[in-house]
């Protein structure tokens, strides 16, 4: 029997190779005869594409192909899938607009891909991109989540009226409202959890090739090959998954951002088939800021009900989450499935209720980034408790000491005769982290559809895209 690993130092196997410059990252890989690809991206946040003239680019030195969204669709390939379903308060499914790798009729954020140029060298491809003439018809754009919900806000999708992807909830609203109506003390706070960019040391990149036996091979800087292979093969390329091999070499940082499916991955495979050679694409730093999924971007109002002694009685949270212009791989599930159950944190509330609205805006898509919804929830609760301490006249270390109470009911009073903020030991929380194996949730909303997972009552990951799965149930 092998000795237990816990408490024992484990020798790392990769350090010497990486520290002596013998790492093998995506840009270190160059296949025989490979061409280089460069993306043409939108310079506007929202505009109609009236015309796209690629003739000059196609005739430029070294250019092998200029590929457009119309050609992509004609080739029979599919849009990028989002397999996370979120249920609205009434039990209906979230909005599900398509995300095509290349725009055809409208661009929806700065950096939205429009065309792919394939050339002998990276420099030739970049020069050719500059020759593509795009006739834009600019349209009003909306970038802030609260503004996206305004009645007169520009509408991104016909499939999402009012720019609303979903409006979901967790907890017992009636019981929580009753608790707040009786509470001697209520503290409220408004917060903005700003948008973040992952900015990994190694930018994203991909190399696509088509082997002699007809099998596609994708080299990609990612955080998991199987999570990419299956939807890329079955949903996008529409081939058996055995027809695609995905290889990830050493990765120079991901932070969640490199888990996702991106437009460039099917595009380099398609381009390799078109030109008959391997095709390599690597983002530069500026391009990464316009194309990598980003994180956070929540606007939240939260309230905490307390009794006269400072015990927690109830929690209410209302948040608006910005999903960007398109649904990324796990984007809808980050605020709803990963974040919502964590609002109760380690504290014991008699009642709790959280509602989340997720909206589309003319911005880069948002998805998992370092904690993926959980830091957003914890940030709200800790800021709220900190404000409650200040409302009670505590500041600095005294407030921090008081808010260290957890479910055990133990508490520390910073001063004699001062109320103590502490978790109530008299009631159980209506919200618990699913990972903690908590008690069942109480909710006044309709029961989840069969197969929906319990943590948020609202979330599930399907093996087929939501649109397809809904059709199969019909």
Protein backbone atom coordinates (compact mmCIF):
# COMPACT_ATOMS: atom_id res chain seq x y z
CA UNK A 1 0.00 0.00 0.00
CA UNK A 2 1.40 3.37 -0.99
CA UNK A 3 2.09 5.80 1.87
CA UNK A 4 -0.42 8.59 2.38
CA UNK A 5 0.39 11.73 0.41
CA UNK A 6 -1.21 14.16 2.86
CA UNK A 7 1.43 15.86 4.98
CA UNK A 8 4.32 14.64 2.84
CA UNK A 9 6.30 16.84 0.44
CA UNK A 10 5.70 15.83 -3.17
CA UNK A 11 8.49 16.33 -5.67
CA UNK A 12 7.37 18.26 -8.74
CA UNK A 13 8.40 16.71 -12.02
CA UNK A 14 8.10 19.65 -14.43
CA UNK A 15 10.06 22.43 -12.71
CA UNK A 16 13.53 21.73 -14.10
CA UNK A 17 12.26 21.55 -17.67
CA UNK A 18 10.30 24.80 -17.39
CA UNK A 19 12.92 26.74 -15.45
CA UNK A 20 15.67 25.85 -17.91
CA UNK A 21 13.76 27.03 -20.97
CA UNK A 22 12.75 23.62 -22.24
CA UNK A 23 9.00 24.19 -21.99
CA UNK A 24 6.93 23.58 -25.11
CA UNK A 25 4.14 26.12 -25.46
CA UNK A 26 1.74 26.65 -28.34
CA UNK A 27 3.89 29.21 -30.15
CA UNK A 28 6.88 26.83 -29.97
CA UNK A 29 5.02 24.39 -32.22
CA UNK A 30 5.43 24.82 -35.98
CA UNK A 31 4.12 22.14 -38.32
CA UNK A 32 5.59 21.42 -41.74
CA UNK A 33 4.30 23.83 -44.35
CA UNK A 34 2.02 25.67 -41.95
CA UNK A 35 0.37 28.94 -42.94
CA UNK A 36 -0.52 31.81 -40.63
CA UNK A 37 -3.95 33.22 -39.87
CA UNK A 38 -5.02 36.68 -38.70
CA UNK A 39 -8.53 37.78 -37.73
CA UNK A 40 -10.33 40.88 -38.94
CA UNK A 41 -12.27 42.18 -35.92
CA UNK A 42 -14.93 44.82 -35.58
CA UNK A 43 -13.84 48.31 -34.63
CA UNK A 44 -17.39 49.18 -33.54
CA UNK A 45 -19.46 47.97 -30.60
CA UNK A 46 -22.64 47.59 -32.65
CA UNK A 47 -23.24 47.98 -36.36
CA UNK A 48 -24.90 46.35 -39.34
CA UNK A 49 -22.56 44.89 -41.94
CA UNK A 50 -23.85 46.36 -45.19
CA UNK A 51 -21.01 45.02 -47.32
CA UNK A 52 -17.72 43.15 -46.99
CA UNK A 53 -15.23 43.43 -49.87
CA UNK A 54 -12.33 40.97 -49.57
CA UNK A 55 -11.11 41.07 -53.20
CA UNK A 56 -8.04 43.21 -52.58
CA UNK A 57 -7.05 41.10 -49.60
CA UNK A 58 -7.45 37.87 -51.55
CA UNK A 59 -5.06 39.16 -54.24
CA UNK A 60 -2.42 40.41 -51.79
CA UNK A 61 1.05 38.79 -51.77
CA UNK A 62 1.20 35.45 -49.98
CA UNK A 63 -2.54 35.21 -49.27
CA UNK A 64 -3.96 31.70 -49.53
CA UNK A 65 -7.57 32.36 -48.51
CA UNK A 66 -9.90 34.98 -47.07
CA UNK A 67 -12.74 33.28 -45.22
CA UNK A 68 -16.04 34.91 -44.25
CA UNK A 69 -19.07 34.07 -42.18
CA UNK A 70 -21.20 33.40 -45.26
CA UNK A 71 -18.67 30.83 -46.48
CA UNK A 72 -18.56 29.23 -43.03
CA UNK A 73 -22.30 28.70 -42.95
CA UNK A 74 -22.30 27.44 -46.53
CA UNK A 75 -19.73 24.83 -45.50
CA UNK A 76 -22.32 23.39 -43.11
CA UNK A 77 -20.60 24.05 -39.80
CA UNK A 78 -22.45 25.06 -36.66
CA UNK A 79 -22.39 27.89 -34.11
CA UNK A 80 -20.51 27.73 -30.83
CA UNK A 81 -22.66 25.90 -28.27
CA UNK A 82 -23.51 26.97 -24.74
CA UNK A 83 -24.54 23.85 -22.86
CA UNK A 84 -25.54 25.46 -19.58
CA UNK A 85 -29.26 25.89 -19.09
CA UNK A 86 -30.68 28.31 -16.55
CA UNK A 87 -34.37 28.38 -15.70
CA UNK A 88 -36.32 31.56 -15.20
CA UNK A 89 -38.52 32.16 -12.16
CA UNK A 90 -41.48 30.71 -14.06
CA UNK A 91 -39.57 27.57 -15.07
CA UNK A 92 -39.00 28.56 -18.69
CA UNK A 93 -35.58 28.29 -20.32
CA UNK A 94 -33.15 31.17 -20.75
CA UNK A 95 -32.70 33.03 -24.03
CA UNK A 96 -30.45 31.18 -26.46
CA UNK A 97 -29.22 33.40 -29.32
CA UNK A 98 -26.66 31.80 -31.66
CA UNK A 99 -22.95 32.59 -31.61
CA UNK A 100 -21.37 32.12 -35.02
CA UNK A 101 -17.57 32.22 -35.26
CA UNK A 102 -17.72 34.98 -37.91
CA UNK A 103 -20.34 37.73 -38.06
CA UNK A 104 -22.44 37.94 -41.20
CA UNK A 105 -25.07 40.64 -40.79
CA UNK A 106 -24.21 42.50 -37.57
CA UNK A 107 -21.34 42.98 -35.14
CA UNK A 108 -22.15 43.19 -31.45
CA UNK A 109 -18.93 44.17 -29.66
CA UNK A 110 -15.55 45.68 -30.40
CA UNK A 111 -13.41 42.72 -31.41
CA UNK A 112 -16.27 40.66 -32.89
CA UNK A 113 -14.68 38.44 -35.61
CA UNK A 114 -15.64 39.26 -39.19
CA UNK A 115 -13.14 37.47 -41.46
CA UNK A 116 -10.07 35.23 -41.33
CA UNK A 117 -7.08 35.80 -43.61
CA UNK A 118 -4.69 32.90 -44.24
CA UNK A 119 -1.28 33.67 -45.74
CA UNK A 120 2.23 32.31 -46.01
CA UNK A 121 3.47 34.49 -43.17
CA UNK A 122 1.98 36.36 -40.24
CA UNK A 123 3.12 39.70 -41.67
CA UNK A 124 1.46 38.99 -45.03
CA UNK A 125 -1.77 38.03 -43.32
CA UNK A 126 -1.75 41.22 -41.24
CA UNK A 127 -1.12 43.36 -44.30
CA UNK A 128 -4.00 41.68 -46.14
CA UNK A 129 -6.42 42.23 -43.26
CA UNK A 130 -5.86 45.96 -43.70
CA UNK A 131 -7.11 45.67 -47.29
CA UNK A 132 -10.55 44.31 -46.39
CA UNK A 133 -13.22 46.97 -46.86
CA UNK A 134 -16.08 46.84 -44.38
CA UNK A 135 -19.15 48.99 -44.90
CA UNK A 136 -20.55 49.50 -41.38
CA UNK A 137 -23.89 51.05 -40.51
CA UNK A 138 -23.30 52.08 -36.88
CA UNK A 139 -26.11 51.50 -34.40
CA UNK A 140 -26.55 52.61 -30.77
CA UNK A 141 -24.80 50.37 -28.27
CA UNK A 142 -25.26 49.57 -24.58
CA UNK A 143 -22.41 48.40 -22.37
CA UNK A 144 -23.59 48.67 -18.74
CA UNK A 145 -25.83 45.96 -17.26
CA UNK A 146 -28.40 48.25 -15.60
CA UNK A 147 -28.67 50.38 -18.72
CA UNK A 148 -29.30 47.24 -20.79
CA UNK A 149 -32.53 46.68 -18.85
CA UNK A 150 -33.86 50.18 -19.50
CA UNK A 151 -37.05 50.26 -21.61
CA UNK A 152 -35.44 52.28 -24.43
CA UNK A 153 -32.09 50.44 -24.43
CA UNK A 154 -30.72 49.18 -27.76
CA UNK A 155 -31.77 45.55 -28.28
CA UNK A 156 -29.01 43.07 -29.08
CA UNK A 157 -31.09 40.01 -29.93
CA UNK A 158 -34.62 39.27 -31.12
CA UNK A 159 -34.33 36.08 -29.05
CA UNK A 160 -33.79 38.11 -25.86
CA UNK A 161 -36.43 40.86 -25.47
CA UNK A 162 -35.29 43.62 -23.15
CA UNK A 163 -31.73 42.21 -23.42
CA UNK A 164 -32.69 39.72 -20.70
CA UNK A 165 -31.06 36.29 -20.89
CA UNK A 166 -32.76 35.06 -17.72
CA UNK A 167 -34.36 36.20 -14.46
CA UNK A 168 -33.86 33.52 -11.84
CA UNK A 169 -34.10 33.18 -8.08
CA UNK A 170 -33.23 31.03 -5.10
CA UNK A 171 -34.64 31.03 -1.58
CA UNK A 172 -37.97 31.86 0.06
CA UNK A 173 -39.02 35.34 -1.00
CA UNK A 174 -42.17 35.58 1.13
CA UNK A 175 -40.46 34.39 4.31
CA UNK A 176 -37.53 36.70 3.74
CA UNK A 177 -39.74 39.72 3.16
CA UNK A 178 -41.62 38.91 6.35
CA UNK A 179 -38.36 38.66 8.26
CA UNK A 180 -37.23 42.06 6.99
CA UNK A 181 -40.56 43.67 7.85
CA UNK A 182 -40.10 42.60 11.50
CA UNK A 183 -36.35 43.17 11.80
CA UNK A 184 -35.23 45.90 14.25
CA UNK A 185 -32.17 46.65 12.14
CA UNK A 186 -31.61 46.57 8.38
CA UNK A 187 -28.38 47.40 6.56
CA UNK A 188 -28.30 47.89 2.78
CA UNK A 189 -25.52 48.32 0.27
CA UNK A 190 -25.09 48.89 -3.48
CA UNK A 191 -21.99 47.44 -5.11
CA UNK A 192 -20.35 47.21 -8.52
CA UNK A 193 -18.06 44.24 -9.02
CA UNK A 194 -16.06 45.55 -11.95
CA UNK A 195 -15.21 43.66 -15.12
CA UNK A 196 -11.80 41.96 -15.24
CA UNK A 197 -9.47 40.71 -17.99
CA UNK A 198 -7.55 37.48 -17.40
CA UNK A 199 -4.40 38.63 -19.25
CA UNK A 200 -2.45 35.36 -19.08
CA UNK A 201 1.29 35.52 -19.76
CA UNK A 202 0.82 33.28 -22.79
CA UNK A 203 -1.89 34.55 -25.15
CA UNK A 204 -4.35 32.13 -26.65
CA UNK A 205 -3.39 30.33 -29.81
CA UNK A 206 -4.39 27.40 -32.00
CA UNK A 207 -3.01 25.31 -34.86
CA UNK A 208 -5.36 23.32 -37.05
CA UNK A 209 -4.42 20.54 -39.44
CA UNK A 210 -6.14 17.85 -41.46
CA UNK A 211 -4.31 14.53 -41.54
CA UNK A 212 -4.07 12.29 -44.59
CA UNK A 213 -6.66 9.93 -43.08
CA UNK A 214 -9.18 12.79 -42.82
CA UNK A 215 -8.80 13.30 -39.10
CA UNK A 216 -8.61 16.86 -37.77
CA UNK A 217 -5.90 17.75 -35.24
CA UNK A 218 -6.07 20.88 -33.09
CA UNK A 219 -3.14 22.13 -31.03
CA UNK A 220 -4.51 24.66 -28.54
CA UNK A 221 -3.44 26.47 -25.39
CA UNK A 222 -6.30 25.31 -23.18
CA UNK A 223 -7.33 24.05 -19.76
CA UNK A 224 -8.71 20.69 -20.86
CA UNK A 225 -8.80 18.86 -24.17
CA UNK A 226 -11.93 16.71 -23.73
CA UNK A 227 -14.09 19.67 -22.77
CA UNK A 228 -13.14 21.20 -26.12
CA UNK A 229 -13.02 18.13 -28.33
CA UNK A 230 -16.55 16.80 -27.94
CA UNK A 231 -18.58 19.98 -28.63
CA UNK A 232 -16.11 21.10 -31.28
CA UNK A 233 -16.47 17.83 -33.15
CA UNK A 234 -20.12 17.02 -32.61
CA UNK A 235 -21.79 20.43 -32.41
CA UNK A 236 -19.58 22.65 -34.60
CA UNK A 237 -17.73 20.51 -37.15
CA UNK A 238 -20.58 17.98 -37.07
CA UNK A 239 -18.33 14.96 -37.23
CA UNK A 240 -17.86 12.02 -34.84
CA UNK A 241 -15.62 12.99 -31.95
CA UNK A 242 -13.17 10.30 -33.06
CA UNK A 243 -12.55 12.47 -36.11
CA UNK A 244 -10.85 15.16 -34.03
CA UNK A 245 -7.76 15.01 -31.84
CA UNK A 246 -7.07 17.93 -29.48
CA UNK A 247 -3.56 18.40 -28.08
CA UNK A 248 -2.61 20.92 -25.37
CA UNK A 249 1.11 21.49 -24.72
CA UNK A 250 2.48 23.50 -21.78
CA UNK A 251 0.18 26.39 -20.90
CA UNK A 252 1.37 29.80 -19.74
CA UNK A 253 -1.60 30.68 -17.53
CA UNK A 254 -5.33 30.25 -17.97
CA UNK A 255 -7.26 31.39 -14.86
CA UNK A 256 -10.46 29.83 -16.24
CA UNK A 257 -10.32 31.87 -19.43
CA UNK A 258 -8.72 29.06 -21.49
CA UNK A 259 -11.40 26.49 -20.62
CA UNK A 260 -13.83 27.99 -23.12
CA UNK A 261 -14.66 27.35 -26.74
CA UNK A 262 -13.62 30.25 -28.97
CA UNK A 263 -14.34 31.12 -32.61
CA UNK A 264 -10.70 30.71 -33.64
CA UNK A 265 -10.66 26.97 -32.84
CA UNK A 266 -13.12 25.76 -35.49
CA UNK A 267 -11.87 28.44 -37.87
CA UNK A 268 -8.26 27.19 -38.00
CA UNK A 269 -9.50 23.64 -38.60
CA UNK A 270 -11.80 24.79 -41.39
CA UNK A 271 -9.00 26.93 -42.85
CA UNK A 272 -6.63 23.95 -42.81
CA UNK A 273 -9.14 21.98 -44.84
CA UNK A 274 -9.62 24.86 -47.30
CA UNK A 275 -5.92 25.55 -47.98
CA UNK A 276 -4.68 21.98 -47.56
CA UNK A 277 -2.04 22.97 -45.00
CA UNK A 278 -1.75 23.42 -41.27
CA UNK A 279 -2.92 26.87 -40.16
CA UNK A 280 -1.61 28.66 -37.05
CA UNK A 281 -3.21 31.57 -35.21
CA UNK A 282 -1.76 33.29 -32.14
CA UNK A 283 -3.33 36.35 -30.52
CA UNK A 284 -1.29 39.43 -29.76
CA UNK A 285 -1.82 41.22 -26.45
CA UNK A 286 -4.23 43.83 -27.76
CA UNK A 287 -6.28 41.18 -29.55
CA UNK A 288 -6.53 39.16 -26.33
CA UNK A 289 -8.17 42.13 -24.60
CA UNK A 290 -10.84 42.13 -27.32
CA UNK A 291 -11.42 38.39 -27.69
CA UNK A 292 -10.67 36.48 -24.46
CA UNK A 293 -13.68 36.01 -22.20
CA UNK A 294 -13.69 38.41 -19.27
CA UNK A 295 -14.88 38.11 -15.69
CA UNK A 296 -17.26 39.53 -13.05
CA UNK A 297 -19.21 42.69 -14.08
CA UNK A 298 -22.08 42.53 -11.58
CA UNK A 299 -24.20 45.35 -10.18
CA UNK A 300 -25.77 44.34 -6.87
CA UNK A 301 -28.13 45.62 -4.17
CA UNK A 302 -28.00 43.61 -0.93
CA UNK A 303 -29.68 43.92 2.47
CA UNK A 304 -29.06 42.28 5.84
CA UNK A 305 -31.70 42.03 8.59
CA UNK A 306 -30.47 41.86 12.20
CA UNK A 307 -32.08 41.63 15.62
CA UNK A 308 -31.38 43.99 18.52
CA UNK A 309 -28.33 41.96 19.55
CA UNK A 310 -26.86 41.96 16.06
CA UNK A 311 -27.78 38.40 15.14
CA UNK A 312 -28.31 37.77 11.43
CA UNK A 313 -31.96 37.18 10.60
CA UNK A 314 -32.26 37.51 6.85
CA UNK A 315 -30.39 38.19 3.62
CA UNK A 316 -31.72 39.69 0.38
CA UNK A 317 -29.69 40.08 -2.79
CA UNK A 318 -30.72 41.45 -6.16
CA UNK A 319 -28.00 41.41 -8.81
CA UNK A 320 -27.69 42.12 -12.52
CA UNK A 321 -24.95 40.14 -14.25
CA UNK A 322 -23.43 41.22 -17.56
CA UNK A 323 -22.97 38.27 -19.95
CA UNK A 324 -21.57 40.35 -22.81
CA UNK A 325 -22.78 40.13 -26.39
CA UNK A 326 -22.77 36.33 -26.71
CA UNK A 327 -23.20 33.31 -24.47
CA UNK A 328 -19.81 31.82 -23.72
CA UNK A 329 -19.37 28.14 -22.87
CA UNK A 330 -20.38 28.36 -19.20
CA UNK A 331 -21.29 32.06 -19.07
CA UNK A 332 -24.95 31.83 -17.97
CA UNK A 333 -24.10 29.40 -15.19
CA UNK A 334 -21.45 31.51 -13.47
CA UNK A 335 -23.74 34.00 -11.70
CA UNK A 336 -26.68 31.58 -11.34
CA UNK A 337 -25.26 28.12 -10.69
CA UNK A 338 -21.85 28.85 -9.22
CA UNK A 339 -22.57 32.15 -7.51
CA UNK A 340 -26.10 32.08 -6.12
CA UNK A 341 -25.78 29.19 -3.63
CA UNK A 342 -22.68 30.84 -2.15
CA UNK A 343 -24.41 34.01 -0.99
CA UNK A 344 -25.23 32.38 2.34
CA UNK A 345 -21.48 31.91 2.74
CA UNK A 346 -20.51 30.47 6.15
CA UNK A 347 -23.19 32.40 7.99
CA UNK A 348 -26.49 31.16 9.37
CA UNK A 349 -29.50 33.15 8.19
CA UNK A 350 -33.05 32.44 9.27
CA UNK A 351 -34.24 33.28 5.75
CA UNK A 352 -32.54 34.26 2.52
CA UNK A 353 -33.56 35.19 -0.99
CA UNK A 354 -31.45 35.95 -4.06
CA UNK A 355 -32.57 37.00 -7.53
CA UNK A 356 -30.26 37.32 -10.52
CA UNK A 357 -30.96 38.95 -13.85
CA UNK A 358 -28.43 38.21 -16.60
CA UNK A 359 -28.29 40.61 -19.52
CA UNK A 360 -26.72 40.98 -22.94
CA UNK A 361 -24.61 44.05 -23.67
CA UNK A 362 -22.31 45.18 -26.49
CA UNK A 363 -19.21 43.92 -24.71
CA UNK A 364 -16.83 40.97 -24.81
CA UNK A 365 -18.51 37.79 -23.47
CA UNK A 366 -18.15 37.02 -19.76
CA UNK A 367 -17.41 33.59 -18.32
CA UNK A 368 -15.45 31.86 -15.55
CA UNK A 369 -12.50 33.73 -14.06
CA UNK A 370 -10.68 32.71 -10.86
CA UNK A 371 -13.45 31.41 -8.64
CA UNK A 372 -16.20 31.76 -11.23
CA UNK A 373 -19.10 33.47 -9.47
CA UNK A 374 -18.11 32.52 -5.95
CA UNK A 375 -15.85 35.53 -5.26
CA UNK A 376 -18.64 37.80 -6.47
CA UNK A 377 -21.02 36.31 -3.89
CA UNK A 378 -18.54 36.37 -1.02
CA UNK A 379 -17.57 39.95 -1.84
CA UNK A 380 -21.18 41.10 -1.52
CA UNK A 381 -21.80 39.36 1.79
CA UNK A 382 -18.55 40.45 3.43
CA UNK A 383 -19.00 44.06 2.30
CA UNK A 384 -22.57 43.98 3.61
CA UNK A 385 -21.52 42.64 7.01
CA UNK A 386 -18.70 45.15 7.21
CA UNK A 387 -21.20 47.95 6.57
CA UNK A 388 -23.52 46.53 9.22
CA UNK A 389 -20.67 46.77 11.71
CA UNK A 390 -20.11 50.38 10.81
CA UNK A 391 -23.83 51.11 11.08
CA UNK A 392 -23.60 49.77 14.64
CA UNK A 393 -20.70 52.05 15.41
CA UNK A 394 -17.80 49.65 14.98
CA UNK A 395 -14.79 50.34 12.79
CA UNK A 396 -11.57 48.70 11.72
CA UNK A 397 -10.32 45.64 13.64
CA UNK A 398 -13.29 45.68 16.01
CA UNK A 399 -15.68 45.16 13.11
CA UNK A 400 -13.46 42.43 11.64
CA UNK A 401 -13.42 40.59 14.96
CA UNK A 402 -17.17 40.78 15.29
CA UNK A 403 -17.82 39.47 11.80
CA UNK A 404 -15.70 36.37 12.36
CA UNK A 405 -18.74 34.56 13.75
CA UNK A 406 -19.78 31.47 11.85
CA UNK A 407 -22.41 28.77 12.16
CA UNK A 408 -21.07 27.62 15.50
CA UNK A 409 -22.80 30.60 17.08
CA UNK A 410 -19.66 31.72 18.87
CA UNK A 411 -19.09 35.46 18.84
CA UNK A 412 -16.77 38.13 20.10
CA UNK A 413 -18.07 41.39 21.51
CA UNK A 414 -15.49 44.13 20.88
CA UNK A 415 -16.72 46.32 23.72
CA UNK A 416 -18.79 45.85 26.84
CA UNK A 417 -22.40 46.75 26.16
CA UNK A 418 -21.98 46.85 22.37
CA UNK A 419 -24.26 44.64 20.23
CA UNK A 420 -22.45 41.70 18.64
CA UNK A 421 -22.88 40.89 14.98
CA UNK A 422 -23.11 37.13 14.89
CA UNK A 423 -24.66 34.27 12.99
CA UNK A 424 -27.98 33.20 14.43
CA UNK A 425 -27.83 29.82 16.17
CA UNK A 426 -31.62 29.65 16.32
CA UNK A 427 -32.46 28.91 12.71
CA UNK A 428 -31.11 27.16 9.68
CA UNK A 429 -30.17 28.86 6.46
CA UNK A 430 -32.37 28.63 3.40
CA UNK A 431 -29.29 28.72 1.23
CA UNK A 432 -26.24 26.50 1.37
CA UNK A 433 -23.31 25.69 -0.83
CA UNK A 434 -24.01 22.55 -2.86
CA UNK A 435 -20.39 21.50 -2.42
CA UNK A 436 -20.87 21.47 1.34
CA UNK A 437 -23.57 18.82 1.10
CA UNK A 438 -26.10 21.15 2.65
CA UNK A 439 -29.75 20.74 3.47
CA UNK A 440 -32.41 21.06 0.81
CA UNK A 441 -33.33 24.52 -0.38
CA UNK A 442 -36.67 26.05 0.45
CA UNK A 443 -38.16 27.93 -2.45
CA UNK A 444 -41.55 29.26 -3.38
CA UNK A 445 -40.78 29.01 -7.10
CA UNK A 446 -42.02 26.17 -9.35
CA UNK A 447 -40.08 22.89 -9.00
CA UNK A 448 -37.18 22.34 -11.41
CA UNK A 449 -37.68 20.34 -14.53
CA UNK A 450 -36.58 16.75 -14.35
CA UNK A 451 -32.83 16.49 -14.58
CA UNK A 452 -32.06 19.97 -13.26
CA UNK A 453 -29.37 19.88 -10.60
CA UNK A 454 -30.31 21.02 -7.12
CA UNK A 455 -27.66 23.60 -6.10
CA UNK A 456 -29.37 26.54 -7.73
CA UNK A 457 -32.62 24.88 -8.79
CA UNK A 458 -31.98 26.78 -11.96
CA UNK A 459 -28.91 25.25 -13.56
CA UNK A 460 -27.88 22.22 -15.52
CA UNK A 461 -25.20 21.29 -18.01
CA UNK A 462 -26.52 19.34 -20.97
CA UNK A 463 -24.75 16.99 -23.33
CA UNK A 464 -26.41 18.76 -26.26
CA UNK A 465 -26.99 22.46 -26.90
CA UNK A 466 -30.08 23.85 -25.11
CA UNK A 467 -31.96 24.48 -28.34
CA UNK A 468 -31.43 20.92 -29.50
CA UNK A 469 -32.30 19.45 -26.12
CA UNK A 470 -35.53 21.44 -25.97
CA UNK A 471 -36.50 20.15 -29.39
CA UNK A 472 -35.83 16.57 -28.31
CA UNK A 473 -38.14 16.99 -25.33
CA UNK A 474 -40.93 18.41 -27.46
